[in-house]
Full PDB file with SEQRES, HELIX, SHEET, SSBOND, CRYST1, ORIGX, SCALE, CONECT and MASTER records, all heavy atoms in Angstrom:
SEQRES   1 A   29  GLY ASN TYR SER TYR GLY ARG TYR GLU VAL ILE MET ARG          
SEQRES   2 A   29  PRO ALA ARG GLY SER GLY THR VAL SER SER PHE PHE THR          
SEQRES   3 A   29  TYR THR GLY                                                  
CRYST1    1.000    1.000    1.000  90.00  90.00  90.00 P 1           1          
ORIGX1      1.000000  0.000000  0.000000        0.00000                         
ORIGX2      0.000000  1.000000  0.000000        0.00000                         
ORIGX3      0.000000  0.000000  1.000000        0.00000                         
SCALE1      1.000000  0.000000  0.000000        0.00000                         
SCALE2      0.000000  1.000000  0.000000        0.00000                         
SCALE3      0.000000  0.000000  1.000000        0.00000                         
ATOM      1  N   GLY A   1      87.428  86.646 -34.021  1.00  0.00           N  
ATOM      2  CA  GLY A   1      88.502  85.702 -34.098  1.00  0.00           C  
ATOM      3  C   GLY A   1      89.576  86.075 -35.060  1.00  0.00           C  
ATOM      4  O   GLY A   1      89.489  87.001 -35.885  1.00  0.00           O  
ATOM      5  N   ASN A   2      90.731  85.370 -34.959  1.00  0.00           N  
ATOM      6  CA  ASN A   2      91.915  85.689 -35.830  1.00  0.00           C  
ATOM      7  C   ASN A   2      91.926  84.733 -37.030  1.00  0.00           C  
ATOM      8  O   ASN A   2      91.403  83.584 -36.978  1.00  0.00           O  
ATOM      9  CB  ASN A   2      93.196  85.500 -35.063  1.00  0.00           C  
ATOM     10  CG  ASN A   2      93.418  86.540 -34.031  1.00  0.00           C  
ATOM     11  OD1 ASN A   2      92.702  87.574 -34.036  1.00  0.00           O  
ATOM     12  ND2 ASN A   2      94.354  86.345 -33.162  1.00  0.00           N  
ATOM     13  N   TYR A   3      92.481  85.208 -38.123  1.00  0.00           N  
ATOM     14  CA  TYR A   3      92.556  84.465 -39.347  1.00  0.00           C  
ATOM     15  C   TYR A   3      93.995  84.480 -39.886  1.00  0.00           C  
ATOM     16  O   TYR A   3      94.718  85.506 -39.730  1.00  0.00           O  
ATOM     17  CB  TYR A   3      91.598  85.019 -40.440  1.00  0.00           C  
ATOM     18  CG  TYR A   3      90.128  84.842 -40.091  1.00  0.00           C  
ATOM     19  CD1 TYR A   3      89.571  85.767 -39.173  1.00  0.00           C  
ATOM     20  CD2 TYR A   3      89.408  83.810 -40.597  1.00  0.00           C  
ATOM     21  CE1 TYR A   3      88.199  85.535 -38.820  1.00  0.00           C  
ATOM     22  CE2 TYR A   3      88.060  83.642 -40.234  1.00  0.00           C  
ATOM     23  CZ  TYR A   3      87.454  84.529 -39.335  1.00  0.00           C  
ATOM     24  OH  TYR A   3      86.175  84.339 -38.974  1.00  0.00           O  
ATOM     25  N   SER A   4      94.417  83.374 -40.486  1.00  0.00           N  
ATOM     26  CA  SER A   4      95.738  83.212 -40.891  1.00  0.00           C  
ATOM     27  C   SER A   4      95.915  83.065 -42.382  1.00  0.00           C  
ATOM     28  O   SER A   4      95.086  83.781 -43.124  1.00  0.00           O  
ATOM     29  CB  SER A   4      96.397  81.964 -40.217  1.00  0.00           C  
ATOM     30  OG  SER A   4      97.775  81.786 -40.510  1.00  0.00           O  
ATOM     31  N   TYR A   5      96.770  82.246 -42.893  1.00  0.00           N  
ATOM     32  CA  TYR A   5      97.046  82.170 -44.361  1.00  0.00           C  
ATOM     33  C   TYR A   5      95.793  81.749 -45.055  1.00  0.00           C  
ATOM     34  O   TYR A   5      95.020  80.832 -44.612  1.00  0.00           O  
ATOM     35  CB  TYR A   5      98.157  81.123 -44.607  1.00  0.00           C  
ATOM     36  CG  TYR A   5      99.497  81.539 -44.083  1.00  0.00           C  
ATOM     37  CD1 TYR A   5     100.378  80.586 -43.458  1.00  0.00           C  
ATOM     38  CD2 TYR A   5      99.952  82.855 -44.115  1.00  0.00           C  
ATOM     39  CE1 TYR A   5     101.577  81.012 -42.985  1.00  0.00           C  
ATOM     40  CE2 TYR A   5     101.203  83.249 -43.691  1.00  0.00           C  
ATOM     41  CZ  TYR A   5     102.025  82.364 -43.059  1.00  0.00           C  
ATOM     42  OH  TYR A   5     103.232  82.677 -42.601  1.00  0.00           O  
ATOM     43  N   GLY A   6      95.530  82.337 -46.223  1.00  0.00           N  
ATOM     44  CA  GLY A   6      94.409  81.946 -47.050  1.00  0.00           C  
ATOM     45  C   GLY A   6      94.046  83.093 -47.957  1.00  0.00           C  
ATOM     46  O   GLY A   6      94.818  84.086 -48.188  1.00  0.00           O  
ATOM     47  N   ARG A   7      92.835  82.962 -48.594  1.00  0.00           N  
ATOM     48  CA  ARG A   7      92.381  84.042 -49.489  1.00  0.00           C  
ATOM     49  C   ARG A   7      91.268  84.848 -48.856  1.00  0.00           C  
ATOM     50  O   ARG A   7      90.241  84.293 -48.393  1.00  0.00           O  
ATOM     51  CB  ARG A   7      91.845  83.392 -50.827  1.00  0.00           C  
ATOM     52  CG  ARG A   7      91.401  84.392 -51.889  1.00  0.00           C  
ATOM     53  CD  ARG A   7      90.969  83.740 -53.134  1.00  0.00           C  
ATOM     54  NE  ARG A   7      90.530  84.719 -54.159  1.00  0.00           N  
ATOM     55  CZ  ARG A   7      91.280  85.207 -55.122  1.00  0.00           C  
ATOM     56  NH1 ARG A   7      92.525  84.853 -55.210  1.00  0.00           N  
ATOM     57  NH2 ARG A   7      90.805  86.073 -55.967  1.00  0.00           N  
ATOM     58  N   TYR A   8      91.398  86.119 -48.870  1.00  0.00           N  
ATOM     59  CA  TYR A   8      90.432  87.059 -48.261  1.00  0.00           C  
ATOM     60  C   TYR A   8      89.827  87.853 -49.482  1.00  0.00           C  
ATOM     61  O   TYR A   8      90.519  88.369 -50.301  1.00  0.00           O  
ATOM     62  CB  TYR A   8      91.172  88.073 -47.361  1.00  0.00           C  
ATOM     63  CG  TYR A   8      91.795  87.409 -46.153  1.00  0.00           C  
ATOM     64  CD1 TYR A   8      93.051  86.693 -46.276  1.00  0.00           C  
ATOM     65  CD2 TYR A   8      91.276  87.511 -44.890  1.00  0.00           C  
ATOM     66  CE1 TYR A   8      93.645  86.128 -45.191  1.00  0.00           C  
ATOM     67  CE2 TYR A   8      91.922  86.944 -43.801  1.00  0.00           C  
ATOM     68  CZ  TYR A   8      93.078  86.313 -43.950  1.00  0.00           C  
ATOM     69  OH  TYR A   8      93.679  85.746 -42.813  1.00  0.00           O  
ATOM     70  N   GLU A   9      88.462  87.925 -49.459  1.00  0.00           N  
ATOM     71  CA  GLU A   9      87.800  88.611 -50.464  1.00  0.00           C  
ATOM     72  C   GLU A   9      86.760  89.611 -49.874  1.00  0.00           C  
ATOM     73  O   GLU A   9      86.160  89.325 -48.831  1.00  0.00           O  
ATOM     74  CB  GLU A   9      87.050  87.653 -51.442  1.00  0.00           C  
ATOM     75  CG  GLU A   9      87.988  86.771 -52.245  1.00  0.00           C  
ATOM     76  CD  GLU A   9      87.222  86.001 -53.309  1.00  0.00           C  
ATOM     77  OE1 GLU A   9      86.009  86.005 -53.321  1.00  0.00           O  
ATOM     78  OE2 GLU A   9      87.946  85.365 -54.093  1.00  0.00           O  
ATOM     79  N   VAL A  10      86.492  90.690 -50.546  1.00  0.00           N  
ATOM     80  CA  VAL A  10      85.509  91.621 -50.139  1.00  0.00           C  
ATOM     81  C   VAL A  10      84.899  92.260 -51.374  1.00  0.00           C  
ATOM     82  O   VAL A  10      85.585  92.546 -52.375  1.00  0.00           O  
ATOM     83  CB  VAL A  10      86.134  92.756 -49.248  1.00  0.00           C  
ATOM     84  CG1 VAL A  10      87.220  93.556 -49.980  1.00  0.00           C  
ATOM     85  CG2 VAL A  10      85.026  93.687 -48.722  1.00  0.00           C  
ATOM     86  N   ILE A  11      83.619  92.469 -51.310  1.00  0.00           N  
ATOM     87  CA  ILE A  11      82.872  93.277 -52.348  1.00  0.00           C  
ATOM     88  C   ILE A  11      82.488  94.610 -51.640  1.00  0.00           C  
ATOM     89  O   ILE A  11      81.718  94.575 -50.719  1.00  0.00           O  
ATOM     90  CB  ILE A  11      81.697  92.528 -52.845  1.00  0.00           C  
ATOM     91  CG1 ILE A  11      82.087  91.251 -53.582  1.00  0.00           C  
ATOM     92  CG2 ILE A  11      80.940  93.447 -53.896  1.00  0.00           C  
ATOM     93  CD1 ILE A  11      80.932  90.383 -54.098  1.00  0.00           C  
ATOM     94  N   MET A  12      83.047  95.747 -52.160  1.00  0.00           N  
ATOM     95  CA  MET A  12      82.917  96.941 -51.423  1.00  0.00           C  
ATOM     96  C   MET A  12      82.891  98.124 -52.377  1.00  0.00           C  
ATOM     97  O   MET A  12      83.267  98.027 -53.520  1.00  0.00           O  
ATOM     98  CB  MET A  12      83.964  97.152 -50.339  1.00  0.00           C  
ATOM     99  CG  MET A  12      85.414  97.278 -50.953  1.00  0.00           C  
ATOM    100  SD  MET A  12      86.688  97.670 -49.719  1.00  0.00           S  
ATOM    101  CE  MET A  12      86.271  99.414 -49.338  1.00  0.00           C  
ATOM    102  N   ARG A  13      82.408  99.269 -51.844  1.00  0.00           N  
ATOM    103  CA  ARG A  13      82.428 100.519 -52.563  1.00  0.00           C  
ATOM    104  C   ARG A  13      82.912 101.567 -51.609  1.00  0.00           C  
ATOM    105  O   ARG A  13      82.313 101.870 -50.597  1.00  0.00           O  
ATOM    106  CB  ARG A  13      81.059 100.871 -53.068  1.00  0.00           C  
ATOM    107  CG  ARG A  13      80.901 102.223 -53.802  1.00  0.00           C  
ATOM    108  CD  ARG A  13      79.510 102.505 -54.337  1.00  0.00           C  
ATOM    109  NE  ARG A  13      78.606 102.906 -53.246  1.00  0.00           N  
ATOM    110  CZ  ARG A  13      77.578 102.175 -52.793  1.00  0.00           C  
ATOM    111  NH1 ARG A  13      77.338 100.984 -53.360  1.00  0.00           N  
ATOM    112  NH2 ARG A  13      76.785 102.579 -51.826  1.00  0.00           N  
ATOM    113  N   PRO A  14      84.093 102.170 -51.849  1.00  0.00           N  
ATOM    114  CA  PRO A  14      84.715 103.116 -50.852  1.00  0.00           C  
ATOM    115  C   PRO A  14      83.908 104.431 -50.779  1.00  0.00           C  
ATOM    116  O   PRO A  14      83.177 104.802 -51.722  1.00  0.00           O  
ATOM    117  CB  PRO A  14      86.116 103.349 -51.408  1.00  0.00           C  
ATOM    118  CG  PRO A  14      86.004 103.036 -52.829  1.00  0.00           C  
ATOM    119  CD  PRO A  14      84.936 101.945 -52.988  1.00  0.00           C  
ATOM    120  N   ALA A  15      84.110 105.129 -49.689  1.00  0.00           N  
ATOM    121  CA  ALA A  15      83.492 106.416 -49.451  1.00  0.00           C  
ATOM    122  C   ALA A  15      84.162 107.397 -50.415  1.00  0.00           C  
ATOM    123  O   ALA A  15      85.335 107.399 -50.722  1.00  0.00           O  
ATOM    124  CB  ALA A  15      83.708 106.884 -48.027  1.00  0.00           C  
ATOM    125  N   ARG A  16      83.321 108.428 -50.820  1.00  0.00           N  
ATOM    126  CA  ARG A  16      83.845 109.486 -51.652  1.00  0.00           C  
ATOM    127  C   ARG A  16      83.972 110.728 -50.792  1.00  0.00           C  
ATOM    128  O   ARG A  16      83.155 111.002 -49.955  1.00  0.00           O  
ATOM    129  CB  ARG A  16      82.936 109.756 -52.824  1.00  0.00           C  
ATOM    130  CG  ARG A  16      83.511 110.621 -53.905  1.00  0.00           C  
ATOM    131  CD  ARG A  16      82.440 110.998 -54.926  1.00  0.00           C  
ATOM    132  NE  ARG A  16      81.870 109.889 -55.632  1.00  0.00           N  
ATOM    133  CZ  ARG A  16      82.449 109.289 -56.701  1.00  0.00           C  
ATOM    134  NH1 ARG A  16      83.578 109.735 -57.127  1.00  0.00           N  
ATOM    135  NH2 ARG A  16      81.817 108.325 -57.337  1.00  0.00           N  
ATOM    136  N   GLY A  17      85.025 111.523 -51.025  1.00  0.00           N  
ATOM    137  CA  GLY A  17      85.216 112.745 -50.342  1.00  0.00           C  
ATOM    138  C   GLY A  17      86.530 112.918 -49.756  1.00  0.00           C  
ATOM    139  O   GLY A  17      87.062 112.013 -49.072  1.00  0.00           O  
ATOM    140  N   SER A  18      87.235 114.067 -49.939  1.00  0.00           N  
ATOM    141  CA  SER A  18      88.577 114.295 -49.509  1.00  0.00           C  
ATOM    142  C   SER A  18      88.666 114.240 -47.984  1.00  0.00           C  
ATOM    143  O   SER A  18      87.741 114.795 -47.302  1.00  0.00           O  
ATOM    144  CB  SER A  18      89.060 115.628 -49.975  1.00  0.00           C  
ATOM    145  OG  SER A  18      90.350 115.957 -49.486  1.00  0.00           O  
ATOM    146  N   GLY A  19      89.646 113.580 -47.489  1.00  0.00           N  
ATOM    147  CA  GLY A  19      89.804 113.430 -46.001  1.00  0.00           C  
ATOM    148  C   GLY A  19      89.336 112.088 -45.475  1.00  0.00           C  
ATOM    149  O   GLY A  19      89.577 111.815 -44.318  1.00  0.00           O  
ATOM    150  N   THR A  20      88.702 111.239 -46.298  1.00  0.00           N  
ATOM    151  CA  THR A  20      88.193 109.983 -45.833  1.00  0.00           C  
ATOM    152  C   THR A  20      89.088 108.811 -46.294  1.00  0.00           C  
ATOM    153  O   THR A  20      89.775 108.961 -47.327  1.00  0.00           O  
ATOM    154  CB  THR A  20      86.774 109.745 -46.334  1.00  0.00           C  
ATOM    155  OG1 THR A  20      86.826 109.603 -47.770  1.00  0.00           O  
ATOM    156  CG2 THR A  20      85.831 110.913 -46.013  1.00  0.00           C  
ATOM    157  N   VAL A  21      89.006 107.709 -45.505  1.00  0.00           N  
ATOM    158  CA  VAL A  21      89.671 106.477 -45.837  1.00  0.00           C  
ATOM    159  C   VAL A  21      88.755 105.376 -45.670  1.00  0.00           C  
ATOM    160  O   VAL A  21      87.988 105.281 -44.698  1.00  0.00           O  
ATOM    161  CB  VAL A  21      90.925 106.262 -44.930  1.00  0.00           C  
ATOM    162  CG1 VAL A  21      91.683 105.052 -45.295  1.00  0.00           C  
ATOM    163  CG2 VAL A  21      91.868 107.555 -44.982  1.00  0.00           C  
ATOM    164  N   SER A  22      88.727 104.397 -46.670  1.00  0.00           N  
ATOM    165  CA  SER A  22      87.950 103.245 -46.607  1.00  0.00           C  
ATOM    166  C   SER A  22      88.830 102.003 -46.683  1.00  0.00           C  
ATOM    167  O   SER A  22      89.733 101.939 -47.551  1.00  0.00           O  
ATOM    168  CB  SER A  22      86.899 103.178 -47.762  1.00  0.00           C  
ATOM    169  OG  SER A  22      86.110 104.327 -47.770  1.00  0.00           O  
ATOM    170  N   SER A  23      88.667 101.069 -45.792  1.00  0.00           N  
ATOM    171  CA  SER A  23      89.689  99.931 -45.709  1.00  0.00           C  
ATOM    172  C   SER A  23      89.084  98.582 -45.579  1.00  0.00           C  
ATOM    173  O   SER A  23      87.900  98.413 -45.104  1.00  0.00           O  
ATOM    174  CB  SER A  23      90.582 100.157 -44.470  1.00  0.00           C  
ATOM    175  OG  SER A  23      91.125 101.467 -44.488  1.00  0.00           O  
ATOM    176  N   PHE A  24      89.831  97.551 -45.963  1.00  0.00           N  
ATOM    177  CA  PHE A  24      89.557  96.148 -45.698  1.00  0.00           C  
ATOM    178  C   PHE A  24      90.899  95.618 -45.341  1.00  0.00           C  
ATOM    179  O   PHE A  24      91.830  95.630 -46.196  1.00  0.00           O  
ATOM    180  CB  PHE A  24      88.937  95.481 -46.855  1.00  0.00           C  
ATOM    181  CG  PHE A  24      88.718  93.948 -46.658  1.00  0.00           C  
ATOM    182  CD1 PHE A  24      87.747  93.499 -45.858  1.00  0.00           C  
ATOM    183  CD2 PHE A  24      89.598  93.062 -47.283  1.00  0.00           C  
ATOM    184  CE1 PHE A  24      87.562  92.117 -45.626  1.00  0.00           C  
ATOM    185  CE2 PHE A  24      89.442  91.706 -47.072  1.00  0.00           C  
ATOM    186  CZ  PHE A  24      88.394  91.222 -46.282  1.00  0.00           C  
ATOM    187  N   PHE A  25      91.099  94.974 -44.151  1.00  0.00           N  
ATOM    188  CA  PHE A  25      92.399  94.564 -43.760  1.00  0.00           C  
ATOM    189  C   PHE A  25      92.391  93.556 -42.603  1.00  0.00           C  
ATOM    190  O   PHE A  25      91.384  93.326 -41.971  1.00  0.00           O  
ATOM    191  CB  PHE A  25      93.226  95.788 -43.366  1.00  0.00           C  
ATOM    192  CG  PHE A  25      92.720  96.563 -42.156  1.00  0.00           C  
ATOM    193  CD1 PHE A  25      93.240  96.434 -40.913  1.00  0.00           C  
ATOM    194  CD2 PHE A  25      91.640  97.456 -42.334  1.00  0.00           C  
ATOM    195  CE1 PHE A  25      92.798  97.171 -39.827  1.00  0.00           C  
ATOM    196  CE2 PHE A  25      91.153  98.211 -41.263  1.00  0.00           C  
ATOM    197  CZ  PHE A  25      91.703  98.043 -40.042  1.00  0.00           C  
ATOM    198  N   THR A  26      93.591  92.937 -42.421  1.00  0.00           N  
ATOM    199  CA  THR A  26      93.809  92.074 -41.248  1.00  0.00           C  
ATOM    200  C   THR A  26      94.738  92.819 -40.352  1.00  0.00           C  
ATOM    201  O   THR A  26      95.587  93.577 -40.778  1.00  0.00           O  
ATOM    202  CB  THR A  26      94.406  90.724 -41.627  1.00  0.00           C  
ATOM    203  OG1 THR A  26      95.705  90.907 -42.220  1.00  0.00           O  
ATOM    204  CG2 THR A  26      93.513  89.982 -42.609  1.00  0.00           C  
ATOM    205  N   TYR A  27      94.533  92.627 -39.022  1.00  0.00           N  
ATOM    206  CA  TYR A  27      95.350  93.395 -38.061  1.00  0.00           C  
ATOM    207  C   TYR A  27      95.453  92.613 -36.755  1.00  0.00           C  
ATOM    208  O   TYR A  27      94.496  92.052 -36.281  1.00  0.00           O  
ATOM    209  CB  TYR A  27      94.840  94.820 -37.879  1.00  0.00           C  
ATOM    210  CG  TYR A  27      95.443  95.495 -36.660  1.00  0.00           C  
ATOM    211  CD1 TYR A  27      96.672  96.188 -36.820  1.00  0.00           C  
ATOM    212  CD2 TYR A  27      94.855  95.444 -35.416  1.00  0.00           C  
ATOM    213  CE1 TYR A  27      97.243  96.833 -35.712  1.00  0.00           C  
ATOM    214  CE2 TYR A  27      95.417  96.102 -34.369  1.00  0.00           C  
ATOM    215  CZ  TYR A  27      96.597  96.792 -34.470  1.00  0.00           C  
ATOM    216  OH  TYR A  27      97.204  97.395 -33.426  1.00  0.00           O  
ATOM    217  N   THR A  28      96.650  92.669 -36.151  1.00  0.00           N  
ATOM    218  CA  THR A  28      96.813  92.366 -34.759  1.00  0.00           C  
ATOM    219  C   THR A  28      97.986  93.241 -34.226  1.00  0.00           C  
ATOM    220  O   THR A  28      98.835  93.717 -35.028  1.00  0.00           O  
ATOM    221  CB  THR A  28      97.127  90.917 -34.496  1.00  0.00           C  
ATOM    222  OG1 THR A  28      97.007  90.589 -33.101  1.00  0.00           O  
ATOM    223  CG2 THR A  28      98.476  90.512 -35.083  1.00  0.00           C  
ATOM    224  N   GLY A  29      97.955  93.495 -32.916  1.00  0.00           N  
ATOM    225  CA  GLY A  29      98.943  94.396 -32.370  1.00  0.00           C  
ATOM    226  C   GLY A  29      99.079  94.342 -30.888  1.00  0.00           C  
ATOM    227  O   GLY A  29      98.555  93.406 -30.267  1.00  0.00           O  
TER     228      GLY A  29                                                      
MASTER        0    0    0    0    0    0    0    6  227    1    0    3          
END                                                                             
C-alpha cells in the first residue's frame, strides 16, 4: 500500500563495503 503525510521511522544498520547502498525510502513512479 501507499503512505502519505506523517512520520516514518526505521531502526536499521547499513551494509558495510565499498560499492553497496542501504536505503529506507518512500517511492512511486
